[in-house]
Amino acid sequence: MKKIVVPIDFSEPSINALHYAIALNGDEETEIVLFHAVDYPVPAGMEFGMPNGEVMGDQMLALVRYTEEKLKTLIRTLPQGNIKYTTS
């Protein structure tokens, strides 16, 4: 089984890279890992501690959930067959 990691930020070039990875599949069982890093801006001067970490945590959690849903929606549009899609 092949494993291909595809960094994805939902831009056209990253979607093209995903389609290229799918084309590399051939007839083998393949796992394609869609890797999306969530960039969460930290206000200047707060790198070492958030005064209201709970609120910031809620916003981060909402951003992660939104991204996970976007990845699931993308995966539903992709060919299945002998390809297993996972996210990271």
C-alpha atoms as a PDB file:
ATOM      1  CA  MET A   1       0.000   0.000   0.000  1.00  0.00           C
ATOM      2  CA  LYS A   2       1.288   3.426  -0.976  1.00  0.00           C
ATOM      3  CA  LYS A   3       0.817   6.437   1.255  1.00  0.00           C
ATOM      4  CA  ILE A   4       0.889   9.900  -0.284  1.00  0.00           C
ATOM      5  CA  VAL A   5       0.732  13.050   1.852  1.00  0.00           C
ATOM      6  CA  VAL A   6      -0.776  16.064   0.094  1.00  0.00           C
ATOM      7  CA  PRO A   7      -0.579  19.469   1.770  1.00  0.00           C
ATOM      8  CA  ILE A   8      -3.875  21.223   1.111  1.00  0.00           C
ATOM      9  CA  ASP A   9      -4.933  24.810   1.687  1.00  0.00           C
ATOM     10  CA  PHE A  10      -7.909  24.684  -0.714  1.00  0.00           C
ATOM     11  CA  SER A  11      -6.082  26.826  -3.281  1.00  0.00           C
ATOM     12  CA  GLU A  12      -6.097  25.823  -6.943  1.00  0.00           C
ATOM     13  CA  PRO A  13      -2.448  24.630  -6.852  1.00  0.00           C
ATOM     14  CA  SER A  14      -3.102  22.407  -3.818  1.00  0.00           C
ATOM     15  CA  ILE A  15      -6.210  20.910  -5.455  1.00  0.00           C
ATOM     16  CA  ASN A  16      -4.114  20.272  -8.576  1.00  0.00           C
ATOM     17  CA  ALA A  17      -1.503  18.522  -6.402  1.00  0.00           C
ATOM     18  CA  LEU A  18      -4.273  16.365  -4.941  1.00  0.00           C
ATOM     19  CA  HIS A  19      -5.471  15.346  -8.403  1.00  0.00           C
ATOM     20  CA  TYR A  20      -1.875  14.547  -9.368  1.00  0.00           C
ATOM     21  CA  ALA A  21      -1.563  12.311  -6.299  1.00  0.00           C
ATOM     22  CA  ILE A  22      -4.790  10.539  -7.293  1.00  0.00           C
ATOM     23  CA  ALA A  23      -3.371  10.004 -10.795  1.00  0.00           C
ATOM     24  CA  LEU A  24      -0.232   8.430  -9.254  1.00  0.00           C
ATOM     25  CA  ASN A  25      -2.437   5.809  -7.639  1.00  0.00           C
ATOM     26  CA  GLY A  26      -2.570   3.381 -10.560  1.00  0.00           C
ATOM     27  CA  ASP A  27      -4.087   0.042  -9.530  1.00  0.00           C
ATOM     28  CA  GLU A  28      -2.447  -0.122  -6.099  1.00  0.00           C
ATOM     29  CA  GLU A  29      -4.190   0.264  -2.778  1.00  0.00           C
ATOM     30  CA  THR A  30      -3.316   3.825  -1.785  1.00  0.00           C
ATOM     31  CA  GLU A  31      -3.856   6.034   1.221  1.00  0.00           C
ATOM     32  CA  ILE A  32      -3.892   9.736   0.474  1.00  0.00           C
ATOM     33  CA  VAL A  33      -3.463  11.908   3.553  1.00  0.00           C
ATOM     34  CA  LEU A  34      -4.836  15.409   3.142  1.00  0.00           C
ATOM     35  CA  PHE A  35      -2.702  17.554   5.433  1.00  0.00           C
ATOM     36  CA  HIS A  36      -4.041  20.962   6.376  1.00  0.00           C
ATOM     37  CA  ALA A  37      -2.287  23.101   8.965  1.00  0.00           C
ATOM     38  CA  VAL A  38      -4.516  25.656  10.624  1.00  0.00           C
ATOM     39  CA  ASP A  39      -2.767  28.992  10.924  1.00  0.00           C
ATOM     40  CA  TYR A  40      -4.165  30.828  13.900  1.00  0.00           C
ATOM     41  CA  PRO A  41      -2.957  34.411  14.250  1.00  0.00           C
ATOM     42  CA  VAL A  42      -1.667  35.443  17.646  1.00  0.00           C
ATOM     43  CA  PRO A  43      -1.933  39.151  18.454  1.00  0.00           C
ATOM     44  CA  ALA A  44       1.423  40.872  18.826  1.00  0.00           C
ATOM     45  CA  GLY A  45       2.650  40.863  22.400  1.00  0.00           C
ATOM     46  CA  MET A  46       0.651  37.784  23.375  1.00  0.00           C
ATOM     47  CA  GLU A  47       3.025  35.100  22.153  1.00  0.00           C
ATOM     48  CA  PHE A  48       3.677  33.924  25.717  1.00  0.00           C
ATOM     49  CA  GLY A  49       0.180  33.930  27.121  1.00  0.00           C
ATOM     50  CA  MET A  50      -3.330  34.779  26.157  1.00  0.00           C
ATOM     51  CA  PRO A  51      -5.233  36.942  28.633  1.00  0.00           C
ATOM     52  CA  ASN A  52      -8.487  35.239  27.675  1.00  0.00           C
ATOM     53  CA  GLY A  53      -7.348  31.798  26.554  1.00  0.00           C
ATOM     54  CA  GLU A  54     -10.830  30.330  26.841  1.00  0.00           C
ATOM     55  CA  VAL A  55     -12.264  32.649  24.181  1.00  0.00           C
ATOM     56  CA  MET A  56      -9.253  32.125  21.944  1.00  0.00           C
ATOM     57  CA  GLY A  57      -9.643  28.355  22.401  1.00  0.00           C
ATOM     58  CA  ASP A  58     -13.287  28.512  21.314  1.00  0.00           C
ATOM     59  CA  GLN A  59     -12.351  30.447  18.191  1.00  0.00           C
ATOM     60  CA  MET A  60      -9.593  27.982  17.374  1.00  0.00           C
ATOM     61  CA  LEU A  61     -11.942  25.039  17.884  1.00  0.00           C
ATOM     62  CA  ALA A  62     -14.504  26.632  15.549  1.00  0.00           C
ATOM     63  CA  LEU A  63     -11.790  27.148  12.925  1.00  0.00           C
ATOM     64  CA  VAL A  64     -10.649  23.516  13.201  1.00  0.00           C
ATOM     65  CA  ARG A  65     -14.234  22.223  12.914  1.00  0.00           C
ATOM     66  CA  TYR A  66     -14.860  24.416   9.863  1.00  0.00           C
ATOM     67  CA  THR A  67     -11.698  23.098   8.206  1.00  0.00           C
ATOM     68  CA  GLU A  68     -12.569  19.475   9.014  1.00  0.00           C
ATOM     69  CA  GLU A  69     -15.980  19.927   7.384  1.00  0.00           C
ATOM     70  CA  LYS A  70     -14.377  21.497   4.309  1.00  0.00           C
ATOM     71  CA  LEU A  71     -12.015  18.507   4.022  1.00  0.00           C
ATOM     72  CA  LYS A  72     -14.901  16.028   4.338  1.00  0.00           C
ATOM     73  CA  THR A  73     -16.815  17.882   1.615  1.00  0.00           C
ATOM     74  CA  LEU A  74     -13.764  17.794  -0.643  1.00  0.00           C
ATOM     75  CA  ILE A  75     -13.244  14.058  -0.062  1.00  0.00           C
ATOM     76  CA  ARG A  76     -16.863  13.340  -1.064  1.00  0.00           C
ATOM     77  CA  THR A  77     -16.092  14.807  -4.515  1.00  0.00           C
ATOM     78  CA  LEU A  78     -13.026  12.597  -5.127  1.00  0.00           C
ATOM     79  CA  PRO A  79     -12.850   9.204  -6.845  1.00  0.00           C
ATOM     80  CA  GLN A  80     -12.997   6.355  -4.323  1.00  0.00           C
ATOM     81  CA  GLY A  81     -12.113   2.906  -5.705  1.00  0.00           C
ATOM     82  CA  ASN A  82      -8.892   1.616  -4.165  1.00  0.00           C
ATOM     83  CA  ILE A  83      -8.002   4.955  -2.548  1.00  0.00           C
ATOM     84  CA  LYS A  84      -8.479   5.606   1.150  1.00  0.00           C
ATOM     85  CA  TYR A  85      -8.531   9.284   2.132  1.00  0.00           C
ATOM     86  CA  THR A  86      -7.547  10.435   5.588  1.00  0.00           C
ATOM     87  CA  THR A  87      -6.969  13.876   7.065  1.00  0.00           C
ATOM     88  CA  SER A  88      -4.352  15.258   9.367  1.00  0.00           C
END
